Amino acid sequence: MQGILIFLGCFIDWVGIIMLCVPIFGPIVRQLGFDPVWFGILMLINLEIALTTPPFGLLLFVMKGVAPEDTTMWDIYRAGFPFLLCDLVALILVTAVPDLALWLPSLMI
Protein backbone atom coordinates (compact mmCIF):
# COMPACT_ATOMS: atom_id res chain seq x y z
CA MET A 1 0.00 0.00 0.00
CA GLN A 2 2.85 2.36 0.81
CA GLY A 3 4.49 1.77 -2.55
CA ILE A 4 1.23 2.52 -4.32
CA LEU A 5 0.88 5.81 -2.42
CA ILE A 6 4.40 6.91 -3.30
CA PHE A 7 3.96 5.90 -6.95
CA LEU A 8 0.65 7.76 -7.26
CA GLY A 9 2.17 10.81 -5.59
CA CYS A 10 4.62 11.15 -8.44
CA PHE A 11 1.73 11.87 -10.80
CA ILE A 12 -1.43 12.85 -8.86
CA ASP A 13 -2.20 15.61 -6.36
CA TRP A 14 -2.60 14.63 -2.70
CA VAL A 15 -6.36 15.21 -2.66
CA GLY A 16 -6.83 12.80 -5.55
CA ILE A 17 -4.68 10.19 -3.86
CA ILE A 18 -6.69 10.41 -0.65
CA MET A 19 -9.98 10.24 -2.55
CA LEU A 20 -8.78 7.17 -4.48
CA CYS A 21 -6.96 5.21 -1.80
CA VAL A 22 -8.78 5.73 1.52
CA PRO A 23 -12.01 4.02 0.38
CA ILE A 24 -9.97 1.08 -0.92
CA PHE A 25 -7.30 0.82 1.79
CA GLY A 26 -9.50 1.68 4.79
CA PRO A 27 -11.51 -1.57 4.87
CA ILE A 28 -8.36 -3.60 4.18
CA VAL A 29 -6.53 -1.94 7.08
CA ARG A 30 -9.45 -2.58 9.46
CA GLN A 31 -9.79 -6.19 8.26
CA LEU A 32 -6.09 -6.83 8.88
CA GLY A 33 -6.44 -5.45 12.41
CA PHE A 34 -4.15 -2.42 12.05
CA ASP A 35 -4.83 0.80 13.93
CA PRO A 36 -6.48 3.31 11.57
CA VAL A 37 -4.68 6.24 13.26
CA TRP A 38 -1.32 4.55 12.66
CA PHE A 39 -2.23 3.91 9.04
CA GLY A 40 -3.34 7.54 8.62
CA ILE A 41 0.02 8.74 9.92
CA LEU A 42 1.84 6.36 7.57
CA MET A 43 -0.30 7.65 4.71
CA LEU A 44 0.59 11.27 5.51
CA ILE A 45 4.31 10.48 5.63
CA ASN A 46 3.98 8.67 2.30
CA LEU A 47 2.19 11.65 0.78
CA GLU A 48 4.90 13.98 2.00
CA ILE A 49 7.53 11.76 0.36
CA ALA A 50 5.46 11.52 -2.82
CA LEU A 51 5.01 15.28 -3.09
CA THR A 52 8.76 15.79 -2.75
CA THR A 53 9.73 13.39 -5.54
CA PRO A 54 9.96 14.22 -9.23
CA PRO A 55 8.43 14.37 -11.83
CA PHE A 56 5.26 15.91 -10.31
CA GLY A 57 6.76 16.97 -6.97
CA LEU A 58 4.28 19.71 -6.15
CA LEU A 59 6.38 20.83 -3.17
CA LEU A 60 9.41 21.17 -5.45
CA PHE A 61 7.51 23.51 -7.76
CA VAL A 62 6.40 25.58 -4.77
CA MET A 63 10.04 25.90 -3.69
CA LYS A 64 10.98 26.89 -7.24
CA GLY A 65 8.36 29.62 -7.12
CA VAL A 66 9.84 31.27 -4.03
CA ALA A 67 13.51 30.71 -4.94
CA PRO A 68 15.66 33.35 -6.65
CA GLU A 69 15.29 33.43 -10.43
CA ASP A 70 18.73 31.96 -11.14
CA THR A 71 17.87 28.77 -9.19
CA THR A 72 17.40 25.74 -11.43
CA MET A 73 15.10 22.80 -10.82
CA TRP A 74 18.20 20.63 -10.40
CA ASP A 75 19.21 22.85 -7.47
CA ILE A 76 15.75 22.39 -5.98
CA TYR A 77 15.94 18.58 -6.40
CA ARG A 78 19.30 18.49 -4.62
CA ALA A 79 18.05 20.75 -1.83
CA GLY A 80 15.02 18.51 -1.25
CA PHE A 81 17.01 15.27 -1.11
CA PRO A 82 18.06 15.54 2.60
CA PHE A 83 14.42 16.13 3.58
CA LEU A 84 13.42 13.10 1.53
CA LEU A 85 15.95 10.97 3.40
CA CYS A 86 14.61 12.24 6.75
CA ASP A 87 11.08 11.34 5.67
CA LEU A 88 12.21 7.85 4.66
CA VAL A 89 13.84 7.34 8.07
CA ALA A 90 10.65 8.54 9.78
CA LEU A 91 8.56 6.20 7.61
CA ILE A 92 10.76 3.23 8.48
CA LEU A 93 10.69 4.07 12.21
CA VAL A 94 6.93 4.54 12.36
CA THR A 95 6.38 1.35 10.36
CA ALA A 96 8.73 -0.70 12.55
CA VAL A 97 7.63 0.81 15.89
CA PRO A 98 3.94 1.83 15.68
CA ASP A 99 4.00 3.09 19.29
CA LEU A 100 6.05 6.08 18.11
CA ALA A 101 2.99 7.32 16.24
CA LEU A 102 0.37 6.10 18.70
CA TRP A 103 1.86 7.31 21.99
CA LEU A 104 0.40 10.84 21.95
CA PRO A 105 -3.07 9.81 20.66
CA SER A 106 -3.19 7.13 23.37
CA LEU A 107 -2.83 9.85 26.02
CA MET A 108 -5.99 11.53 24.74
CA ILE A 109 -8.18 8.47 25.33
C-alpha atoms as a PDB file:
ATOM      1  CA  MET A   1       0.000   0.000   0.000  1.00  0.00           C
ATOM      2  CA  GLN A   2       2.847   2.362   0.806  1.00  0.00           C
ATOM      3  CA  GLY A   3       4.488   1.766  -2.553  1.00  0.00           C
ATOM      4  CA  ILE A   4       1.228   2.520  -4.321  1.00  0.00           C
ATOM      5  CA  LEU A   5       0.883   5.807  -2.419  1.00  0.00           C
ATOM      6  CA  ILE A   6       4.401   6.909  -3.303  1.00  0.00           C
ATOM      7  CA  PHE A   7       3.960   5.901  -6.948  1.00  0.00           C
ATOM      8  CA  LEU A   8       0.654   7.761  -7.259  1.00  0.00           C
ATOM      9  CA  GLY A   9       2.175  10.807  -5.588  1.00  0.00           C
ATOM     10  CA  CYS A  10       4.622  11.155  -8.437  1.00  0.00           C
ATOM     11  CA  PHE A  11       1.728  11.866 -10.802  1.00  0.00           C
ATOM     12  CA  ILE A  12      -1.429  12.854  -8.861  1.00  0.00           C
ATOM     13  CA  ASP A  13      -2.205  15.606  -6.364  1.00  0.00           C
ATOM     14  CA  TRP A  14      -2.601  14.633  -2.703  1.00  0.00           C
ATOM     15  CA  VAL A  15      -6.358  15.211  -2.664  1.00  0.00           C
ATOM     16  CA  GLY A  16      -6.826  12.801  -5.555  1.00  0.00           C
ATOM     17  CA  ILE A  17      -4.676  10.188  -3.860  1.00  0.00           C
ATOM     18  CA  ILE A  18      -6.688  10.407  -0.645  1.00  0.00           C
ATOM     19  CA  MET A  19      -9.983  10.237  -2.547  1.00  0.00           C
ATOM     20  CA  LEU A  20      -8.780   7.173  -4.477  1.00  0.00           C
ATOM     21  CA  CYS A  21      -6.961   5.210  -1.795  1.00  0.00           C
ATOM     22  CA  VAL A  22      -8.777   5.726   1.518  1.00  0.00           C
ATOM     23  CA  PRO A  23     -12.013   4.019   0.381  1.00  0.00           C
ATOM     24  CA  ILE A  24      -9.974   1.084  -0.917  1.00  0.00           C
ATOM     25  CA  PHE A  25      -7.305   0.822   1.786  1.00  0.00           C
ATOM     26  CA  GLY A  26      -9.501   1.676   4.788  1.00  0.00           C
ATOM     27  CA  PRO A  27     -11.509  -1.571   4.871  1.00  0.00           C
ATOM     28  CA  ILE A  28      -8.361  -3.595   4.184  1.00  0.00           C
ATOM     29  CA  VAL A  29      -6.533  -1.945   7.081  1.00  0.00           C
ATOM     30  CA  ARG A  30      -9.446  -2.584   9.458  1.00  0.00           C
ATOM     31  CA  GLN A  31      -9.795  -6.191   8.263  1.00  0.00           C
ATOM     32  CA  LEU A  32      -6.086  -6.832   8.883  1.00  0.00           C
ATOM     33  CA  GLY A  33      -6.440  -5.446  12.407  1.00  0.00           C
ATOM     34  CA  PHE A  34      -4.150  -2.423  12.045  1.00  0.00           C
ATOM     35  CA  ASP A  35      -4.827   0.795  13.930  1.00  0.00           C
ATOM     36  CA  PRO A  36      -6.479   3.314  11.566  1.00  0.00           C
ATOM     37  CA  VAL A  37      -4.681   6.236  13.260  1.00  0.00           C
ATOM     38  CA  TRP A  38      -1.324   4.547  12.659  1.00  0.00           C
ATOM     39  CA  PHE A  39      -2.234   3.911   9.040  1.00  0.00           C
ATOM     40  CA  GLY A  40      -3.339   7.536   8.623  1.00  0.00           C
ATOM     41  CA  ILE A  41       0.023   8.740   9.918  1.00  0.00           C
ATOM     42  CA  LEU A  42       1.838   6.363   7.566  1.00  0.00           C
ATOM     43  CA  MET A  43      -0.296   7.646   4.714  1.00  0.00           C
ATOM     44  CA  LEU A  44       0.586  11.265   5.506  1.00  0.00           C
ATOM     45  CA  ILE A  45       4.309  10.480   5.632  1.00  0.00           C
ATOM     46  CA  ASN A  46       3.985   8.668   2.303  1.00  0.00           C
ATOM     47  CA  LEU A  47       2.187  11.650   0.781  1.00  0.00           C
ATOM     48  CA  GLU A  48       4.904  13.984   2.000  1.00  0.00           C
ATOM     49  CA  ILE A  49       7.528  11.756   0.360  1.00  0.00           C
ATOM     50  CA  ALA A  50       5.463  11.525  -2.820  1.00  0.00           C
ATOM     51  CA  LEU A  51       5.007  15.279  -3.085  1.00  0.00           C
ATOM     52  CA  THR A  52       8.764  15.794  -2.752  1.00  0.00           C
ATOM     53  CA  THR A  53       9.735  13.386  -5.536  1.00  0.00           C
ATOM     54  CA  PRO A  54       9.959  14.220  -9.233  1.00  0.00           C
ATOM     55  CA  PRO A  55       8.430  14.367 -11.830  1.00  0.00           C
ATOM     56  CA  PHE A  56       5.257  15.906 -10.309  1.00  0.00           C
ATOM     57  CA  GLY A  57       6.763  16.967  -6.974  1.00  0.00           C
ATOM     58  CA  LEU A  58       4.285  19.711  -6.147  1.00  0.00           C
ATOM     59  CA  LEU A  59       6.382  20.829  -3.165  1.00  0.00           C
ATOM     60  CA  LEU A  60       9.408  21.172  -5.445  1.00  0.00           C
ATOM     61  CA  PHE A  61       7.511  23.510  -7.756  1.00  0.00           C
ATOM     62  CA  VAL A  62       6.402  25.585  -4.769  1.00  0.00           C
ATOM     63  CA  MET A  63      10.041  25.899  -3.692  1.00  0.00           C
ATOM     64  CA  LYS A  64      10.983  26.893  -7.238  1.00  0.00           C
ATOM     65  CA  GLY A  65       8.357  29.625  -7.123  1.00  0.00           C
ATOM     66  CA  VAL A  66       9.840  31.269  -4.034  1.00  0.00           C
ATOM     67  CA  ALA A  67      13.507  30.712  -4.940  1.00  0.00           C
ATOM     68  CA  PRO A  68      15.657  33.354  -6.650  1.00  0.00           C
ATOM     69  CA  GLU A  69      15.289  33.434 -10.434  1.00  0.00           C
ATOM     70  CA  ASP A  70      18.725  31.956 -11.139  1.00  0.00           C
ATOM     71  CA  THR A  71      17.869  28.773  -9.186  1.00  0.00           C
ATOM     72  CA  THR A  72      17.398  25.738 -11.427  1.00  0.00           C
ATOM     73  CA  MET A  73      15.095  22.799 -10.823  1.00  0.00           C
ATOM     74  CA  TRP A  74      18.197  20.627 -10.403  1.00  0.00           C
ATOM     75  CA  ASP A  75      19.214  22.854  -7.467  1.00  0.00           C
ATOM     76  CA  ILE A  76      15.745  22.389  -5.984  1.00  0.00           C
ATOM     77  CA  TYR A  77      15.938  18.584  -6.398  1.00  0.00           C
ATOM     78  CA  ARG A  78      19.302  18.495  -4.621  1.00  0.00           C
ATOM     79  CA  ALA A  79      18.048  20.749  -1.830  1.00  0.00           C
ATOM     80  CA  GLY A  80      15.015  18.511  -1.247  1.00  0.00           C
ATOM     81  CA  PHE A  81      17.011  15.273  -1.113  1.00  0.00           C
ATOM     82  CA  PRO A  82      18.057  15.537   2.597  1.00  0.00           C
ATOM     83  CA  PHE A  83      14.424  16.130   3.576  1.00  0.00           C
ATOM     84  CA  LEU A  84      13.417  13.104   1.526  1.00  0.00           C
ATOM     85  CA  LEU A  85      15.947  10.974   3.405  1.00  0.00           C
ATOM     86  CA  CYS A  86      14.613  12.238   6.752  1.00  0.00           C
ATOM     87  CA  ASP A  87      11.078  11.341   5.670  1.00  0.00           C
ATOM     88  CA  LEU A  88      12.208   7.852   4.660  1.00  0.00           C
ATOM     89  CA  VAL A  89      13.840   7.339   8.067  1.00  0.00           C
ATOM     90  CA  ALA A  90      10.649   8.540   9.778  1.00  0.00           C
ATOM     91  CA  LEU A  91       8.560   6.203   7.614  1.00  0.00           C
ATOM     92  CA  ILE A  92      10.758   3.230   8.479  1.00  0.00           C
ATOM     93  CA  LEU A  93      10.690   4.065  12.211  1.00  0.00           C
ATOM     94  CA  VAL A  94       6.926   4.544  12.365  1.00  0.00           C
ATOM     95  CA  THR A  95       6.383   1.355  10.356  1.00  0.00           C
ATOM     96  CA  ALA A  96       8.726  -0.698  12.549  1.00  0.00           C
ATOM     97  CA  VAL A  97       7.630   0.810  15.888  1.00  0.00           C
ATOM     98  CA  PRO A  98       3.943   1.831  15.684  1.00  0.00           C
ATOM     99  CA  ASP A  99       4.005   3.093  19.289  1.00  0.00           C
ATOM    100  CA  LEU A 100       6.047   6.084  18.107  1.00  0.00           C
ATOM    101  CA  ALA A 101       2.995   7.321  16.236  1.00  0.00           C
ATOM    102  CA  LEU A 102       0.366   6.102  18.704  1.00  0.00           C
ATOM    103  CA  TRP A 103       1.863   7.309  21.995  1.00  0.00           C
ATOM    104  CA  LEU A 104       0.399  10.836  21.954  1.00  0.00           C
ATOM    105  CA  PRO A 105      -3.069   9.807  20.662  1.00  0.00           C
ATOM    106  CA  SER A 106      -3.194   7.129  23.374  1.00  0.00           C
ATOM    107  CA  LEU A 107      -2.827   9.854  26.024  1.00  0.00           C
ATOM    108  CA  MET A 108      -5.992  11.527  24.736  1.00  0.00           C
ATOM    109  CA  ILE A 109      -8.179   8.473  25.333  1.00  0.00           C
END
